[in-house]
Amino acid sequence: MADLEEVVVADAQELGSLLGCSEDVLTDLKNSGVLAPHGEAWNVGPAREYLRDAAWADEVWY
């Protein structure tokens, strides 16, 4: 289970910068439920784990 890691950001660009991904990837993460807001805070723990695992999987299969 992903860690609870809440952050408050001003906009999607700041959230993308924090996670190291583009706004398109953020949209995909939001639509899939991996990244969800909690009021003004965002729990980025699950998104960080998802992006880490996706990057690891890409490296393994090349």
PDB file of N, CA and C in Angstrom:
ATOM      1  N   MET A   1       0.841  -1.178   0.000  1.00  0.00           N
ATOM      2  CA  MET A   1       0.000   0.000   0.000  1.00  0.00           C
ATOM      3  C   MET A   1       0.879   1.231   0.000  1.00  0.00           C
ATOM      4  N   ALA A   2       0.457   2.235  -0.720  1.00  0.00           N
ATOM      5  CA  ALA A   2       1.231   3.462  -0.879  1.00  0.00           C
ATOM      6  C   ALA A   2       1.206   4.299   0.395  1.00  0.00           C
ATOM      7  N   ASP A   3       2.286   4.995   0.613  1.00  0.00           N
ATOM      8  CA  ASP A   3       2.364   5.888   1.755  1.00  0.00           C
ATOM      9  C   ASP A   3       1.483   7.099   1.541  1.00  0.00           C
ATOM     10  N   LEU A   4       0.974   7.630   2.638  1.00  0.00           N
ATOM     11  CA  LEU A   4       0.220   8.869   2.590  1.00  0.00           C
ATOM     12  C   LEU A   4       1.227  10.004   2.608  1.00  0.00           C
ATOM     13  N   GLU A   5       1.307  10.727   1.523  1.00  0.00           N
ATOM     14  CA  GLU A   5       2.241  11.844   1.400  1.00  0.00           C
ATOM     15  C   GLU A   5       1.482  13.000   0.768  1.00  0.00           C
ATOM     16  N   GLU A   6       0.917  13.861   1.613  1.00  0.00           N
ATOM     17  CA  GLU A   6       0.097  14.952   1.109  1.00  0.00           C
ATOM     18  C   GLU A   6       0.933  16.210   0.904  1.00  0.00           C
ATOM     19  N   VAL A   7       0.652  16.892  -0.195  1.00  0.00           N
ATOM     20  CA  VAL A   7       1.305  18.157  -0.512  1.00  0.00           C
ATOM     21  C   VAL A   7       0.239  19.149  -0.958  1.00  0.00           C
ATOM     22  N   VAL A   8       0.522  20.416  -0.805  1.00  0.00           N
ATOM     23  CA  VAL A   8      -0.344  21.480  -1.309  1.00  0.00           C
ATOM     24  C   VAL A   8       0.427  22.180  -2.411  1.00  0.00           C
ATOM     25  N   VAL A   9      -0.171  22.241  -3.601  1.00  0.00           N
ATOM     26  CA  VAL A   9       0.474  22.878  -4.748  1.00  0.00           C
ATOM     27  C   VAL A   9      -0.468  23.917  -5.335  1.00  0.00           C
ATOM     28  N   ALA A  10       0.119  24.863  -6.075  1.00  0.00           N
ATOM     29  CA  ALA A  10      -0.663  25.951  -6.648  1.00  0.00           C
ATOM     30  C   ALA A  10      -1.380  25.543  -7.931  1.00  0.00           C
ATOM     31  N   ASP A  11      -0.742  24.707  -8.748  1.00  0.00           N
ATOM     32  CA  ASP A  11      -1.343  24.362 -10.037  1.00  0.00           C
ATOM     33  C   ASP A  11      -0.777  23.042 -10.559  1.00  0.00           C
ATOM     34  N   ALA A  12      -1.288  22.622 -11.710  1.00  0.00           N
ATOM     35  CA  ALA A  12      -0.868  21.350 -12.302  1.00  0.00           C
ATOM     36  C   ALA A  12       0.616  21.367 -12.654  1.00  0.00           C
ATOM     37  N   GLN A  13       1.139  22.507 -13.087  1.00  0.00           N
ATOM     38  CA  GLN A  13       2.553  22.583 -13.453  1.00  0.00           C
ATOM     39  C   GLN A  13       3.427  22.322 -12.226  1.00  0.00           C
ATOM     40  N   GLU A  14       3.057  22.865 -11.095  1.00  0.00           N
ATOM     41  CA  GLU A  14       3.817  22.647  -9.865  1.00  0.00           C
ATOM     42  C   GLU A  14       3.711  21.183  -9.425  1.00  0.00           C
ATOM     43  N   LEU A  15       2.519  20.593  -9.553  1.00  0.00           N
ATOM     44  CA  LEU A  15       2.332  19.187  -9.195  1.00  0.00           C
ATOM     45  C   LEU A  15       3.144  18.290 -10.129  1.00  0.00           C
ATOM     46  N   GLY A  16       3.142  18.603 -11.417  1.00  0.00           N
ATOM     47  CA  GLY A  16       3.942  17.851 -12.382  1.00  0.00           C
ATOM     48  C   GLY A  16       5.427  17.950 -12.088  1.00  0.00           C
ATOM     49  N   SER A  17       5.861  19.130 -11.699  1.00  0.00           N
ATOM     50  CA  SER A  17       7.265  19.338 -11.353  1.00  0.00           C
ATOM     51  C   SER A  17       7.637  18.530 -10.113  1.00  0.00           C
ATOM     52  N   LEU A  18       6.753  18.493  -9.142  1.00  0.00           N
ATOM     53  CA  LEU A  18       6.982  17.737  -7.915  1.00  0.00           C
ATOM     54  C   LEU A  18       7.120  16.244  -8.199  1.00  0.00           C
ATOM     55  N   LEU A  19       6.272  15.722  -9.096  1.00  0.00           N
ATOM     56  CA  LEU A  19       6.293  14.299  -9.412  1.00  0.00           C
ATOM     57  C   LEU A  19       7.252  13.961 -10.555  1.00  0.00           C
ATOM     58  N   GLY A  20       7.712  14.984 -11.283  1.00  0.00           N
ATOM     59  CA  GLY A  20       8.629  14.741 -12.389  1.00  0.00           C
ATOM     60  C   GLY A  20       7.937  14.180 -13.619  1.00  0.00           C
ATOM     61  N   CYS A  21       6.717  14.648 -13.895  1.00  0.00           N
ATOM     62  CA  CYS A  21       5.993  14.164 -15.068  1.00  0.00           C
ATOM     63  C   CYS A  21       5.241  15.319 -15.728  1.00  0.00           C
ATOM     64  N   SER A  22       4.773  15.075 -16.930  1.00  0.00           N
ATOM     65  CA  SER A  22       4.072  16.106 -17.694  1.00  0.00           C
ATOM     66  C   SER A  22       2.621  16.231 -17.233  1.00  0.00           C
ATOM     67  N   GLU A  23       1.965  17.299 -17.678  1.00  0.00           N
ATOM     68  CA  GLU A  23       0.558  17.498 -17.341  1.00  0.00           C
ATOM     69  C   GLU A  23      -0.318  16.422 -17.969  1.00  0.00           C
ATOM     70  N   ASP A  24       0.080  15.876 -19.116  1.00  0.00           N
ATOM     71  CA  ASP A  24      -0.666  14.776 -19.737  1.00  0.00           C
ATOM     72  C   ASP A  24      -0.646  13.536 -18.843  1.00  0.00           C
ATOM     73  N   VAL A  25       0.521  13.241 -18.277  1.00  0.00           N
ATOM     74  CA  VAL A  25       0.637  12.096 -17.376  1.00  0.00           C
ATOM     75  C   VAL A  25      -0.187  12.351 -16.109  1.00  0.00           C
ATOM     76  N   LEU A  26      -0.173  13.593 -15.613  1.00  0.00           N
ATOM     77  CA  LEU A  26      -0.989  13.942 -14.449  1.00  0.00           C
ATOM     78  C   LEU A  26      -2.466  13.673 -14.726  1.00  0.00           C
ATOM     79  N   THR A  27      -2.922  14.062 -15.905  1.00  0.00           N
ATOM     80  CA  THR A  27      -4.318  13.830 -16.280  1.00  0.00           C
ATOM     81  C   THR A  27      -4.628  12.342 -16.274  1.00  0.00           C
ATOM     82  N   ASP A  28      -3.734  11.539 -16.826  1.00  0.00           N
ATOM     83  CA  ASP A  28      -3.926  10.085 -16.825  1.00  0.00           C
ATOM     84  C   ASP A  28      -3.969   9.533 -15.399  1.00  0.00           C
ATOM     85  N   LEU A  29      -3.067  10.024 -14.540  1.00  0.00           N
ATOM     86  CA  LEU A  29      -3.035   9.560 -13.148  1.00  0.00           C
ATOM     87  C   LEU A  29      -4.325   9.943 -12.414  1.00  0.00           C
ATOM     88  N   LYS A  30      -4.821  11.144 -12.678  1.00  0.00           N
ATOM     89  CA  LYS A  30      -6.077  11.588 -12.054  1.00  0.00           C
ATOM     90  C   LYS A  30      -7.251  10.751 -12.556  1.00  0.00           C
ATOM     91  N   ASN A  31      -7.317  10.528 -13.859  1.00  0.00           N
ATOM     92  CA  ASN A  31      -8.427   9.774 -14.444  1.00  0.00           C
ATOM     93  C   ASN A  31      -8.448   8.320 -13.984  1.00  0.00           C
ATOM     94  N   SER A  32      -7.276   7.745 -13.703  1.00  0.00           N
ATOM     95  CA  SER A  32      -7.209   6.353 -13.272  1.00  0.00           C
ATOM     96  C   SER A  32      -7.372   6.203 -11.761  1.00  0.00           C
ATOM     97  N   GLY A  33      -7.415   7.317 -11.046  1.00  0.00           N
ATOM     98  CA  GLY A  33      -7.599   7.270  -9.598  1.00  0.00           C
ATOM     99  C   GLY A  33      -6.324   7.092  -8.801  1.00  0.00           C
ATOM    100  N   VAL A  34      -5.181   7.098  -9.466  1.00  0.00           N
ATOM    101  CA  VAL A  34      -3.895   6.955  -8.774  1.00  0.00           C
ATOM    102  C   VAL A  34      -3.560   8.237  -8.016  1.00  0.00           C
ATOM    103  N   LEU A  35      -3.990   9.364  -8.537  1.00  0.00           N
ATOM    104  CA  LEU A  35      -3.703  10.664  -7.943  1.00  0.00           C
ATOM    105  C   LEU A  35      -5.029  11.352  -7.660  1.00  0.00           C
ATOM    106  N   ALA A  36      -5.290  11.633  -6.393  1.00  0.00           N
ATOM    107  CA  ALA A  36      -6.576  12.233  -6.027  1.00  0.00           C
ATOM    108  C   ALA A  36      -6.375  13.350  -5.007  1.00  0.00           C
ATOM    109  N   PRO A  37      -7.149  14.413  -5.132  1.00  0.00           N
ATOM    110  CA  PRO A  37      -7.036  15.505  -4.171  1.00  0.00           C
ATOM    111  C   PRO A  37      -7.781  15.171  -2.877  1.00  0.00           C
ATOM    112  N   HIS A  38      -7.320  15.753  -1.807  1.00  0.00           N
ATOM    113  CA  HIS A  38      -7.979  15.692  -0.501  1.00  0.00           C
ATOM    114  C   HIS A  38      -8.132  17.136  -0.051  1.00  0.00           C
ATOM    115  N   GLY A  39      -9.187  17.797  -0.526  1.00  0.00           N
ATOM    116  CA  GLY A  39      -9.324  19.230  -0.297  1.00  0.00           C
ATOM    117  C   GLY A  39      -8.300  19.952  -1.145  1.00  0.00           C
ATOM    118  N   GLU A  40      -7.472  20.767  -0.506  1.00  0.00           N
ATOM    119  CA  GLU A  40      -6.422  21.477  -1.233  1.00  0.00           C
ATOM    120  C   GLU A  40      -5.134  20.664  -1.310  1.00  0.00           C
ATOM    121  N   ALA A  41      -5.067  19.572  -0.573  1.00  0.00           N
ATOM    122  CA  ALA A  41      -3.868  18.735  -0.558  1.00  0.00           C
ATOM    123  C   ALA A  41      -4.029  17.577  -1.538  1.00  0.00           C
ATOM    124  N   TRP A  42      -2.906  17.140  -2.056  1.00  0.00           N
ATOM    125  CA  TRP A  42      -2.866  15.982  -2.958  1.00  0.00           C
ATOM    126  C   TRP A  42      -2.055  14.895  -2.296  1.00  0.00           C
ATOM    127  N   ASN A  43      -2.584  13.675  -2.281  1.00  0.00           N
ATOM    128  CA  ASN A  43      -1.815  12.536  -1.792  1.00  0.00           C
ATOM    129  C   ASN A  43      -0.987  12.026  -2.966  1.00  0.00           C
ATOM    130  N   VAL A  44       0.301  12.323  -2.959  1.00  0.00           N
ATOM    131  CA  VAL A  44       1.168  11.964  -4.080  1.00  0.00           C
ATOM    132  C   VAL A  44       1.882  10.635  -3.877  1.00  0.00           C
ATOM    133  N   GLY A  45       1.712   9.998  -2.725  1.00  0.00           N
ATOM    134  CA  GLY A  45       2.364   8.715  -2.457  1.00  0.00           C
ATOM    135  C   GLY A  45       2.068   7.658  -3.504  1.00  0.00           C
ATOM    136  N   PRO A  46       0.777   7.390  -3.802  1.00  0.00           N
ATOM    137  CA  PRO A  46       0.471   6.384  -4.816  1.00  0.00           C
ATOM    138  C   PRO A  46       1.010   6.753  -6.202  1.00  0.00           C
ATOM    139  N   ALA A  47       0.973   8.025  -6.556  1.00  0.00           N
ATOM    140  CA  ALA A  47       1.476   8.458  -7.864  1.00  0.00           C
ATOM    141  C   ALA A  47       2.983   8.256  -7.951  1.00  0.00           C
ATOM    142  N   ARG A  48       3.703   8.572  -6.885  1.00  0.00           N
ATOM    143  CA  ARG A  48       5.157   8.362  -6.876  1.00  0.00           C
ATOM    144  C   ARG A  48       5.483   6.877  -7.075  1.00  0.00           C
ATOM    145  N   GLU A  49       4.749   6.006  -6.368  1.00  0.00           N
ATOM    146  CA  GLU A  49       4.986   4.572  -6.506  1.00  0.00           C
ATOM    147  C   GLU A  49       4.662   4.090  -7.915  1.00  0.00           C
ATOM    148  N   TYR A  50       3.569   4.571  -8.477  1.00  0.00           N
ATOM    149  CA  TYR A  50       3.177   4.176  -9.828  1.00  0.00           C
ATOM    150  C   TYR A  50       4.236   4.593 -10.836  1.00  0.00           C
ATOM    151  N   LEU A  51       4.699   5.841 -10.760  1.00  0.00           N
ATOM    152  CA  LEU A  51       5.710   6.340 -11.697  1.00  0.00           C
ATOM    153  C   LEU A  51       7.035   5.605 -11.519  1.00  0.00           C
ATOM    154  N   ARG A  52       7.404   5.305 -10.278  1.00  0.00           N
ATOM    155  CA  ARG A  52       8.639   4.550 -10.009  1.00  0.00           C
ATOM    156  C   ARG A  52       8.555   3.158 -10.631  1.00  0.00           C
ATOM    157  N   ASP A  53       7.424   2.479 -10.405  1.00  0.00           N
ATOM    158  CA  ASP A  53       7.259   1.136 -10.940  1.00  0.00           C
ATOM    159  C   ASP A  53       7.223   1.134 -12.466  1.00  0.00           C
ATOM    160  N   ALA A  54       6.586   2.131 -13.056  1.00  0.00           N
ATOM    161  CA  ALA A  54       6.524   2.222 -14.517  1.00  0.00           C
ATOM    162  C   ALA A  54       7.914   2.456 -15.094  1.00  0.00           C
ATOM    163  N   ALA A  55       8.699   3.308 -14.459  1.00  0.00           N
ATOM    164  CA  ALA A  55      10.061   3.566 -14.930  1.00  0.00           C
ATOM    165  C   ALA A  55      10.910   2.309 -14.789  1.00  0.00           C
ATOM    166  N   TRP A  56      10.766   1.591 -13.692  1.00  0.00           N
ATOM    167  CA  TRP A  56      11.518   0.357 -13.481  1.00  0.00           C
ATOM    168  C   TRP A  56      11.139  -0.683 -14.534  1.00  0.00           C
ATOM    169  N   ALA A  57       9.850  -0.829 -14.810  1.00  0.00           N
ATOM    170  CA  ALA A  57       9.391  -1.818 -15.790  1.00  0.00           C
ATOM    171  C   ALA A  57       9.930  -1.504 -17.178  1.00  0.00           C
ATOM    172  N   ASP A  58       9.953  -0.220 -17.539  1.00  0.00           N
ATOM    173  CA  ASP A  58      10.507   0.155 -18.858  1.00  0.00           C
ATOM    174  C   ASP A  58      11.972  -0.221 -18.964  1.00  0.00           C
ATOM    175  N   GLU A  59      12.740  -0.038 -17.900  1.00  0.00           N
ATOM    176  CA  GLU A  59      14.162  -0.372 -17.913  1.00  0.00           C
ATOM    177  C   GLU A  59      14.366  -1.870 -18.014  1.00  0.00           C
ATOM    178  N   VAL A  60      13.517  -2.654 -17.379  1.00  0.00           N
ATOM    179  CA  VAL A  60      13.662  -4.105 -17.392  1.00  0.00           C
ATOM    180  C   VAL A  60      13.402  -4.664 -18.769  1.00  0.00           C
ATOM    181  N   TRP A  61      12.438  -4.124 -19.473  1.00  0.00           N
ATOM    182  CA  TRP A  61      12.028  -4.712 -20.746  1.00  0.00           C
ATOM    183  C   TRP A  61      12.823  -4.229 -21.940  1.00  0.00           C
ATOM    184  N   TYR A  62      13.759  -3.287 -21.759  1.00  0.00           N
ATOM    185  CA  TYR A  62      14.571  -2.849 -22.888  1.00  0.00           C
ATOM    186  C   TYR A  62      15.806  -3.679 -23.031  1.00  0.00           C
TER     187      TYR A  62
END
